[in-house]
N, C-alpha and C. Protein backbone atom coordinates (compact mmCIF):
# COMPACT_ATOMS: atom_id res chain seq x y z
N MET A 1 -46.63 49.35 21.71
CA MET A 1 -46.58 51.13 21.08
C MET A 1 -47.58 50.54 19.27
N TYR A 2 -48.38 51.32 19.49
CA TYR A 2 -48.67 51.55 18.55
C TYR A 2 -47.78 52.11 17.22
N ALA A 3 -47.67 51.94 15.61
CA ALA A 3 -47.02 52.56 14.75
C ALA A 3 -46.87 53.80 14.68
N SER A 4 -46.64 54.63 13.63
CA SER A 4 -47.37 56.40 13.33
C SER A 4 -47.97 55.82 11.92
N GLY A 5 -48.87 56.83 11.37
CA GLY A 5 -49.53 56.96 10.60
C GLY A 5 -48.66 56.30 9.12
N ALA A 6 -48.08 56.79 9.30
CA ALA A 6 -46.84 56.31 8.18
C ALA A 6 -46.37 55.66 7.87
N PHE A 7 -46.23 54.92 8.90
CA PHE A 7 -45.87 52.91 9.00
C PHE A 7 -46.70 52.47 8.89
N VAL A 8 -48.00 52.95 8.98
CA VAL A 8 -49.04 51.46 9.24
C VAL A 8 -49.47 52.00 6.98
N ALA A 9 -49.24 53.23 6.53
CA ALA A 9 -49.83 53.61 5.32
C ALA A 9 -48.59 53.19 4.23
N GLU A 10 -48.04 52.41 4.74
CA GLU A 10 -46.63 52.06 4.05
C GLU A 10 -47.24 50.21 3.60
N HIS A 11 -48.24 50.34 4.50
CA HIS A 11 -48.67 48.69 4.86
C HIS A 11 -50.70 48.67 4.39
N VAL A 12 -50.71 49.95 4.00
CA VAL A 12 -52.15 49.79 2.94
C VAL A 12 -52.09 49.78 1.46
N GLU A 13 -52.60 49.18 0.86
CA GLU A 13 -52.87 49.62 -1.03
C GLU A 13 -53.75 50.52 -1.12
N SER A 14 -53.56 52.14 -1.94
CA SER A 14 -54.99 52.65 -2.50
C SER A 14 -55.09 53.77 -1.87
N VAL A 15 -53.91 54.46 -0.91
CA VAL A 15 -54.27 54.78 -0.22
C VAL A 15 -53.91 56.53 0.01
N ALA A 16 -54.72 57.31 0.17
CA ALA A 16 -54.91 58.74 -0.27
C ALA A 16 -53.48 59.91 0.85
N ASP A 17 -53.37 60.53 0.46
CA ASP A 17 -52.54 61.52 1.70
C ASP A 17 -53.86 61.91 3.04
N GLU A 18 -54.52 62.40 2.30
CA GLU A 18 -55.61 62.76 3.65
C GLU A 18 -56.15 61.32 4.56
N GLN A 19 -55.95 60.07 3.40
CA GLN A 19 -56.39 59.57 4.54
C GLN A 19 -55.12 59.17 6.22
N VAL A 20 -53.98 59.12 5.44
CA VAL A 20 -52.73 58.83 7.23
C VAL A 20 -53.24 59.79 7.79
N GLN A 21 -53.61 59.42 8.92
CA GLN A 21 -53.81 59.99 10.50
C GLN A 21 -52.09 60.51 11.21
N PRO A 22 -51.87 60.63 11.88
CA PRO A 22 -50.98 60.31 12.82
C PRO A 22 -50.48 59.26 13.43
N ASN A 23 -51.47 58.70 13.47
CA ASN A 23 -51.11 57.12 14.43
C ASN A 23 -52.19 55.83 13.76
N GLY A 24 -52.33 55.88 12.25
CA GLY A 24 -52.80 54.91 11.76
C GLY A 24 -53.82 55.15 10.17
N VAL A 25 -54.37 54.61 9.53
CA VAL A 25 -54.88 54.85 8.25
C VAL A 25 -56.37 54.56 7.84
N ASP A 26 -57.22 56.02 7.45
CA ASP A 26 -58.41 55.69 7.42
C ASP A 26 -58.81 54.51 6.43
N LEU A 27 -59.87 53.98 6.84
CA LEU A 27 -60.16 53.43 5.65
C LEU A 27 -61.21 53.38 5.32
N THR A 28 -61.96 53.23 3.90
CA THR A 28 -63.03 53.49 3.00
C THR A 28 -64.00 52.40 2.99
N VAL A 29 -64.80 53.22 3.30
CA VAL A 29 -66.43 52.37 2.29
C VAL A 29 -66.62 51.97 1.07
N GLU A 30 -66.29 50.38 0.68
CA GLU A 30 -66.33 49.76 -0.93
C GLU A 30 -67.98 49.28 -1.09
N THR A 31 -68.33 48.40 -0.19
CA THR A 31 -69.93 48.14 -0.29
C THR A 31 -70.11 47.63 0.99
N VAL A 32 -71.75 47.93 0.61
CA VAL A 32 -72.66 47.41 2.10
C VAL A 32 -73.17 46.66 2.03
N LEU A 33 -73.11 45.02 3.16
CA LEU A 33 -74.16 43.90 2.77
C LEU A 33 -74.82 43.83 4.17
N GLU A 34 -75.85 42.78 3.52
CA GLU A 34 -77.12 42.65 4.35
C GLU A 34 -76.93 41.07 4.53
N GLN A 35 -76.17 40.46 5.77
CA GLN A 35 -76.61 39.31 5.91
C GLN A 35 -77.87 38.70 5.52
N ARG A 36 -78.17 37.44 4.90
CA ARG A 36 -80.13 37.63 4.59
C ARG A 36 -80.47 36.65 4.86
N GLU A 37 -79.52 35.37 5.23
CA GLU A 37 -79.29 33.02 5.86
C GLU A 37 -78.42 33.65 7.04
N PRO A 38 -79.05 32.68 7.66
CA PRO A 38 -78.56 32.29 9.51
C PRO A 38 -76.68 31.58 8.54
N GLY A 39 -75.91 31.94 9.71
CA GLY A 39 -74.82 31.45 9.74
C GLY A 39 -74.50 30.14 11.31
N ARG A 40 -73.43 29.52 10.52
CA ARG A 40 -73.29 28.26 11.92
C ARG A 40 -71.97 28.43 12.26
N ILE A 41 -71.46 28.53 13.55
CA ILE A 41 -70.31 28.69 14.33
C ILE A 41 -70.35 27.69 14.69
N THR A 42 -69.14 26.16 14.94
CA THR A 42 -69.27 24.91 15.52
C THR A 42 -67.70 24.89 16.24
N ARG A 43 -67.46 23.96 16.59
CA ARG A 43 -66.19 23.77 17.21
C ARG A 43 -65.33 23.38 15.63
N ASP A 44 -66.15 22.34 14.97
CA ASP A 44 -65.08 22.33 13.57
C ASP A 44 -64.72 22.93 12.65
N GLY A 45 -65.80 24.25 12.59
CA GLY A 45 -65.97 25.10 11.06
C GLY A 45 -66.27 26.26 11.49
N LYS A 46 -66.88 26.89 10.38
CA LYS A 46 -67.82 27.66 10.65
C LYS A 46 -68.43 28.08 8.77
N THR A 47 -69.61 28.40 8.62
CA THR A 47 -70.79 28.49 7.58
C THR A 47 -71.19 30.14 7.49
N ILE A 48 -70.21 31.47 6.70
CA ILE A 48 -71.18 32.01 6.45
C ILE A 48 -72.29 32.58 6.22
N GLY A 49 -73.41 33.16 6.51
CA GLY A 49 -74.87 33.19 5.84
C GLY A 49 -74.48 34.09 4.52
N GLU A 50 -75.29 33.76 3.91
CA GLU A 50 -75.59 34.40 2.07
C GLU A 50 -75.91 35.86 2.73
N ARG A 51 -75.54 36.64 2.25
CA ARG A 51 -74.85 38.16 2.25
C ARG A 51 -75.59 38.58 0.53
N GLN A 52 -76.05 40.05 0.84
CA GLN A 52 -76.75 39.82 -0.30
C GLN A 52 -76.12 41.83 -0.21
N ALA A 53 -75.89 42.53 -1.49
CA ALA A 53 -74.88 43.48 -1.47
C ALA A 53 -75.91 44.46 -1.89
N LEU A 54 -75.83 45.38 -0.95
CA LEU A 54 -77.22 46.68 -1.03
C LEU A 54 -76.76 48.07 -2.35
N GLN A 55 -77.48 48.07 -2.99
CA GLN A 55 -76.89 48.84 -4.10
C GLN A 55 -77.38 50.89 -3.68
N PRO A 56 -76.63 51.76 -3.82
CA PRO A 56 -76.69 52.20 -3.90
C PRO A 56 -77.28 53.48 -4.91
N GLU A 57 -78.13 54.21 -4.04
CA GLU A 57 -79.87 54.75 -4.36
C GLU A 57 -79.33 56.48 -4.79
N GLU A 58 -80.77 57.24 -5.83
CA GLU A 58 -80.43 58.35 -6.13
C GLU A 58 -81.71 58.37 -5.39
N ARG A 59 -81.28 59.55 -5.09
CA ARG A 59 -82.45 60.22 -4.09
C ARG A 59 -82.40 61.79 -4.28
N ASP A 60 -83.96 62.55 -4.11
CA ASP A 60 -84.07 63.70 -4.33
C ASP A 60 -84.06 64.26 -3.04
N THR A 61 -83.04 65.12 -2.41
CA THR A 61 -83.04 65.40 -1.22
C THR A 61 -83.44 67.03 -1.36
N PRO A 62 -84.07 67.60 -0.13
CA PRO A 62 -83.72 69.06 0.39
C PRO A 62 -83.04 69.41 0.25
N HIS A 63 -83.04 70.58 -0.83
CA HIS A 63 -81.64 71.73 0.12
C HIS A 63 -81.87 72.28 1.46
N GLU A 64 -80.30 72.70 1.73
CA GLU A 64 -80.67 73.00 3.54
C GLU A 64 -81.57 74.35 3.10
N ASP A 65 -81.80 75.49 2.13
CA ASP A 65 -82.38 76.36 2.90
C ASP A 65 -83.87 76.19 2.74
N GLY A 66 -84.13 74.64 1.86
CA GLY A 66 -85.44 74.56 2.29
C GLY A 66 -86.70 74.51 0.49
N GLY A 67 -85.18 75.10 0.07
CA GLY A 67 -85.78 75.53 -1.61
C GLY A 67 -85.70 74.34 -2.66
N GLU A 68 -84.82 74.72 -3.69
CA GLU A 68 -84.42 73.09 -4.99
C GLU A 68 -84.36 72.48 -4.30
N GLN A 69 -84.97 71.55 -5.19
CA GLN A 69 -84.43 70.02 -4.69
C GLN A 69 -83.16 69.83 -5.84
N TRP A 70 -82.01 68.45 -5.08
CA TRP A 70 -80.83 68.03 -6.38
C TRP A 70 -81.34 66.53 -6.36
N ARG A 71 -80.49 66.15 -7.15
CA ARG A 71 -80.61 65.25 -7.40
C ARG A 71 -78.86 64.02 -6.85
N GLU A 72 -79.08 63.59 -5.58
CA GLU A 72 -77.70 62.94 -5.29
C GLU A 72 -77.28 61.51 -6.90
N ASP A 73 -76.17 62.02 -6.10
CA ASP A 73 -75.72 60.69 -7.19
C ASP A 73 -76.23 58.63 -6.97
N ALA A 74 -75.45 58.35 -7.79
CA ALA A 74 -75.95 56.74 -6.65
C ALA A 74 -74.56 56.02 -5.71
N GLU A 75 -74.48 56.85 -5.69
CA GLU A 75 -73.14 56.52 -4.86
C GLU A 75 -73.05 56.29 -3.36
N THR A 76 -74.66 56.94 -2.39
CA THR A 76 -75.22 56.24 -1.21
C THR A 76 -75.45 55.47 -0.94
N PHE A 77 -75.59 54.94 0.02
CA PHE A 77 -75.92 53.99 0.90
C PHE A 77 -77.19 54.37 2.12
N TYR A 78 -78.56 54.06 1.53
CA TYR A 78 -79.25 54.86 2.92
C TYR A 78 -79.77 54.08 3.81
N LEU A 79 -79.25 53.58 4.77
CA LEU A 79 -79.45 52.54 6.13
C LEU A 79 -80.11 52.96 7.45
N PRO A 80 -80.91 52.05 7.06
CA PRO A 80 -81.77 52.62 8.94
C PRO A 80 -81.50 51.57 9.64
N PRO A 81 -81.76 51.69 10.54
CA PRO A 81 -81.57 51.28 11.68
C PRO A 81 -81.11 49.36 11.44
N GLY A 82 -80.02 48.29 11.94
CA GLY A 82 -79.71 47.05 11.75
C GLY A 82 -78.15 46.93 11.79
N GLY A 83 -78.01 45.70 11.32
CA GLY A 83 -76.78 45.49 11.29
C GLY A 83 -76.26 45.24 9.91
N TYR A 84 -75.20 46.03 9.80
CA TYR A 84 -74.95 45.54 8.20
C TYR A 84 -73.22 45.10 8.06
N ILE A 85 -72.63 44.25 7.45
CA ILE A 85 -71.46 44.15 6.91
C ILE A 85 -70.47 45.32 5.51
N LEU A 86 -69.95 46.14 6.50
CA LEU A 86 -68.88 46.85 5.75
C LEU A 86 -67.65 46.48 5.10
N GLN A 87 -67.26 47.01 3.76
CA GLN A 87 -66.59 45.92 2.92
C GLN A 87 -65.45 46.86 3.00
N TYR A 88 -64.37 46.97 3.10
CA TYR A 88 -63.55 48.32 2.79
C TYR A 88 -62.95 47.72 1.68
N ALA A 89 -62.73 49.29 1.31
CA ALA A 89 -61.66 49.72 -0.68
C ALA A 89 -60.56 48.66 -0.50
N GLU A 90 -59.92 49.23 1.00
CA GLU A 90 -58.11 48.88 0.73
C GLU A 90 -57.95 47.79 0.80
N THR A 91 -56.46 47.18 0.58
CA THR A 91 -56.30 46.61 1.22
C THR A 91 -54.89 45.93 2.18
N ILE A 92 -55.00 46.03 3.16
CA ILE A 92 -54.41 45.71 4.09
C ILE A 92 -53.32 44.45 4.20
N SER A 93 -51.86 44.76 4.71
CA SER A 93 -50.75 43.29 4.58
C SER A 93 -50.48 43.82 5.90
N VAL A 94 -50.75 43.16 6.98
CA VAL A 94 -50.47 42.84 8.00
C VAL A 94 -49.15 42.76 8.50
N PRO A 95 -48.00 43.64 8.83
CA PRO A 95 -46.48 42.73 8.40
C PRO A 95 -46.46 41.84 10.04
N ASP A 96 -44.89 41.34 9.77
CA ASP A 96 -44.11 40.41 10.73
C ASP A 96 -44.18 41.47 11.98
N ASP A 97 -44.19 40.61 13.19
CA ASP A 97 -44.17 41.82 14.60
C ASP A 97 -45.26 42.74 14.62
N HIS A 98 -46.57 42.38 13.80
CA HIS A 98 -47.63 43.45 14.71
C HIS A 98 -48.68 42.60 14.93
N VAL A 99 -49.64 43.39 14.66
CA VAL A 99 -51.16 43.17 15.21
C VAL A 99 -51.67 44.33 14.69
N GLY A 100 -52.88 44.37 13.99
CA GLY A 100 -54.16 45.66 13.45
C GLY A 100 -55.49 45.39 14.50
N PHE A 101 -55.62 46.37 14.48
CA PHE A 101 -56.78 46.73 15.21
C PHE A 101 -57.47 47.66 14.60
N LEU A 102 -59.01 47.64 14.11
CA LEU A 102 -59.75 48.73 14.16
C LEU A 102 -60.63 49.40 14.56
N TYR A 103 -60.29 50.44 14.64
CA TYR A 103 -61.08 51.64 15.22
C TYR A 103 -62.07 52.82 14.45
N PRO A 104 -63.43 52.81 15.09
CA PRO A 104 -64.75 53.39 14.30
C PRO A 104 -64.06 55.00 13.94
N ARG A 105 -64.98 55.46 13.41
CA ARG A 105 -64.29 57.69 13.09
C ARG A 105 -64.80 57.64 14.24
N SER A 106 -64.59 58.94 14.75
CA SER A 106 -65.98 59.16 15.68
C SER A 106 -66.91 59.29 14.95
N SER A 107 -66.93 60.42 13.84
CA SER A 107 -68.21 60.65 13.33
C SER A 107 -69.41 59.54 13.11
N LEU A 108 -68.46 57.87 13.23
CA LEU A 108 -69.82 57.45 12.80
C LEU A 108 -70.58 57.79 14.26
N MET A 109 -69.70 57.25 15.45
CA MET A 109 -70.16 57.22 16.60
C MET A 109 -71.25 58.58 17.20
N ARG A 110 -70.93 59.88 16.49
CA ARG A 110 -71.95 61.11 16.31
C ARG A 110 -72.74 60.79 15.80
N ASN A 111 -73.03 59.89 14.73
CA ASN A 111 -74.77 59.53 14.41
C ASN A 111 -75.22 57.94 14.52
N SER A 112 -74.90 57.55 15.50
CA SER A 112 -75.38 56.51 16.23
C SER A 112 -75.11 55.39 16.11
N CYS A 113 -73.97 54.99 15.45
CA CYS A 113 -73.43 54.39 14.55
C CYS A 113 -71.92 53.58 15.46
N MET A 114 -72.09 52.47 15.22
CA MET A 114 -70.85 51.23 15.93
C MET A 114 -70.14 50.74 14.72
N LEU A 115 -68.54 50.41 14.96
CA LEU A 115 -68.43 49.58 13.86
C LEU A 115 -67.47 48.04 14.68
N ASN A 116 -67.91 46.86 14.63
CA ASN A 116 -67.24 46.44 14.93
C ASN A 116 -66.05 45.36 14.16
N THR A 117 -65.14 44.92 14.69
CA THR A 117 -63.82 44.29 13.88
C THR A 117 -63.25 43.67 14.95
N ALA A 118 -62.49 42.09 14.27
CA ALA A 118 -61.40 41.32 15.00
C ALA A 118 -60.22 41.61 15.00
N VAL A 119 -59.54 41.21 15.30
CA VAL A 119 -58.12 41.35 15.44
C VAL A 119 -57.52 41.36 14.09
N TRP A 120 -56.58 41.33 13.66
CA TRP A 120 -56.08 41.72 11.99
C TRP A 120 -54.70 41.15 12.34
N ASP A 121 -54.22 39.84 12.73
CA ASP A 121 -52.86 39.43 12.93
C ASP A 121 -52.17 39.31 12.24
N ALA A 122 -50.72 39.36 12.49
CA ALA A 122 -49.46 39.53 11.84
C ALA A 122 -48.94 38.41 10.37
N GLY A 123 -49.30 38.56 9.22
CA GLY A 123 -49.17 38.20 8.44
C GLY A 123 -50.65 37.66 7.59
N TYR A 124 -52.16 38.77 8.29
CA TYR A 124 -52.61 38.46 7.20
C TYR A 124 -52.46 39.94 6.17
N THR A 125 -53.41 39.20 4.62
CA THR A 125 -53.43 39.88 4.01
C THR A 125 -54.46 40.23 3.11
N GLY A 126 -55.41 41.37 2.66
CA GLY A 126 -56.68 41.23 2.31
C GLY A 126 -57.75 42.39 2.22
N LYS A 127 -58.98 42.77 1.46
CA LYS A 127 -59.80 43.90 2.17
C LYS A 127 -60.74 43.72 2.95
N GLY A 128 -60.67 43.81 4.30
CA GLY A 128 -61.67 43.36 5.23
C GLY A 128 -62.37 44.11 5.10
N GLU A 129 -63.16 43.41 6.98
CA GLU A 129 -64.96 43.61 6.76
C GLU A 129 -64.63 44.04 8.26
N GLY A 130 -66.11 44.40 8.19
CA GLY A 130 -66.35 45.28 9.65
C GLY A 130 -68.14 44.85 10.10
N LEU A 131 -68.55 44.71 10.88
CA LEU A 131 -69.53 45.09 11.52
C LEU A 131 -70.25 46.25 11.64
N LEU A 132 -71.21 46.66 11.04
CA LEU A 132 -71.79 48.17 11.30
C LEU A 132 -72.89 48.34 11.88
N GLN A 133 -73.09 49.16 12.98
CA GLN A 133 -74.55 48.66 14.34
C GLN A 133 -75.08 50.01 14.31
N VAL A 134 -76.57 50.34 12.93
CA VAL A 134 -76.96 51.22 12.86
C VAL A 134 -77.71 51.72 13.49
N HIS A 135 -77.98 52.62 14.53
CA HIS A 135 -78.88 52.82 16.02
C HIS A 135 -80.11 54.14 15.26
N HIS A 136 -79.67 55.08 14.22
CA HIS A 136 -80.98 56.15 13.37
C HIS A 136 -80.38 55.79 12.04
N ASP A 137 -80.85 56.32 11.24
CA ASP A 137 -81.03 56.40 10.13
C ASP A 137 -80.06 57.07 9.62
N VAL A 138 -79.15 56.55 8.71
CA VAL A 138 -77.61 57.19 8.01
C VAL A 138 -77.24 56.70 6.84
N GLU A 139 -77.16 57.98 5.92
CA GLU A 139 -76.34 57.93 4.34
C GLU A 139 -74.67 57.74 5.03
N LEU A 140 -74.13 56.91 4.25
CA LEU A 140 -72.95 56.10 3.82
C LEU A 140 -72.14 56.33 2.23
N GLU A 141 -71.32 57.28 1.92
CA GLU A 141 -71.06 57.90 0.61
C GLU A 141 -70.09 56.50 0.27
N ARG A 142 -70.06 55.92 -0.97
CA ARG A 142 -68.56 55.46 -1.00
C ARG A 142 -67.54 55.88 -1.54
N GLY A 143 -66.61 55.26 -0.50
CA GLY A 143 -65.33 56.19 -0.99
C GLY A 143 -65.32 57.20 1.22
N ALA A 144 -66.39 57.44 1.20
CA ALA A 144 -66.00 57.43 2.83
C ALA A 144 -65.06 56.99 3.52
N ARG A 145 -64.57 58.08 4.54
CA ARG A 145 -63.85 57.58 5.92
C ARG A 145 -64.88 57.13 7.19
N VAL A 146 -64.29 55.58 7.51
CA VAL A 146 -65.48 55.11 8.06
C VAL A 146 -65.00 54.94 9.03
N ALA A 147 -63.16 53.88 9.32
CA ALA A 147 -62.12 53.10 10.39
C ALA A 147 -60.88 54.08 9.62
N GLN A 148 -60.63 53.32 10.89
CA GLN A 148 -58.90 54.31 11.75
C GLN A 148 -58.38 52.58 11.54
N PHE A 149 -57.28 52.39 10.87
CA PHE A 149 -56.87 50.98 10.94
C PHE A 149 -55.59 51.58 11.41
N VAL A 150 -54.98 50.57 12.75
CA VAL A 150 -53.77 51.33 13.36
C VAL A 150 -53.34 49.67 13.55
N LEU A 151 -51.64 49.84 13.41
CA LEU A 151 -51.11 48.60 13.85
C LEU A 151 -49.61 48.89 14.95
N ALA A 152 -50.11 47.93 16.35
CA ALA A 152 -49.06 47.83 17.14
C ALA A 152 -48.07 46.77 17.14
N GLU A 153 -47.04 46.92 17.74
CA GLU A 153 -45.79 45.81 17.70
C GLU A 153 -46.47 44.87 18.69
N ALA A 154 -46.32 43.36 18.32
CA ALA A 154 -46.54 42.20 18.78
C ALA A 154 -45.46 41.32 18.31
N ASP A 155 -45.32 40.39 19.67
CA ASP A 155 -45.16 39.16 20.01
C ASP A 155 -46.17 37.65 18.56
N HIS A 156 -45.50 37.00 18.41
CA HIS A 156 -46.11 35.58 17.69
C HIS A 156 -45.38 35.15 17.23
N ASP A 157 -46.07 33.67 17.05
CA ASP A 157 -45.13 32.45 17.13
C ASP A 157 -45.42 32.33 15.22
N GLU A 158 -46.63 32.55 15.10
CA GLU A 158 -46.64 32.25 13.66
C GLU A 158 -47.39 33.63 13.01
N VAL A 159 -47.33 32.97 11.50
CA VAL A 159 -48.37 34.65 11.14
C VAL A 159 -49.91 33.65 9.71
N TYR A 160 -50.97 34.44 10.39
CA TYR A 160 -52.20 34.54 9.68
C TYR A 160 -51.68 33.47 8.30
N ASP A 161 -52.97 32.31 8.59
CA ASP A 161 -52.63 31.73 7.25
C ASP A 161 -54.34 31.02 7.42
N GLY A 162 -55.01 31.32 7.41
CA GLY A 162 -56.23 31.10 7.60
C GLY A 162 -57.48 31.22 6.25
N ASP A 163 -58.90 31.13 7.16
CA ASP A 163 -59.79 31.79 5.66
C ASP A 163 -59.72 32.33 4.04
N TYR A 164 -59.87 33.29 5.43
CA TYR A 164 -59.53 34.92 5.15
C TYR A 164 -58.53 35.44 4.32
N GLN A 165 -57.22 34.43 4.41
CA GLN A 165 -56.02 35.66 3.56
C GLN A 165 -56.36 35.97 2.37
N ASN A 166 -56.16 36.68 2.19
CA ASN A 166 -56.52 37.72 0.38
C ASN A 166 -57.66 37.90 -0.27
N GLU A 167 -58.40 38.01 1.12
CA GLU A 167 -59.81 37.86 0.69
C GLU A 167 -60.55 39.06 -0.03
N ARG A 168 -60.56 39.34 -1.36
CA ARG A 168 -61.49 40.17 -1.88
C ARG A 168 -60.16 41.31 -2.37
N THR A 169 -58.84 40.02 -3.02
CA THR A 169 -57.61 40.79 -3.65
C THR A 169 -57.39 40.50 -4.87
N GLU A 170 -57.99 39.31 -5.35
CA GLU A 170 -57.95 38.63 -6.96
C GLU A 170 -59.00 38.79 -7.71
């Protein structure tokens, strides 16, 4: 059974009231990365390919009525089609007896984007990331809500103690 949004919010750091939903908490964009070098996954381990943080851009954007131009601030990522790594701004702590899942907000799908992520095991703490698949140009503003984190009750023998424990929390 999925937990309430209020319960989930107790396990997510730096959450504003508008991020708490009935069944989870919205996560926001902190950084967008682009993988530059190949990675490697073997039976004995893994290597994450080199990644580069994209810089938000300032652009002149036409006004909706076609009139004057205004200057966007430098908090917007302009992403052409491709694959990107999104890093979330919030720190997650998955409690014992639970497992976490992350789902894209519908506004991503409605803009031809998909967000993929892995299971978040009991005991995991960190600022996670997901794979953003962009199928049509999109603009993402830093701090925009892009995903919803949910917790479900789960049995487990141990808690997470892997390579990504406490990622980007220090």
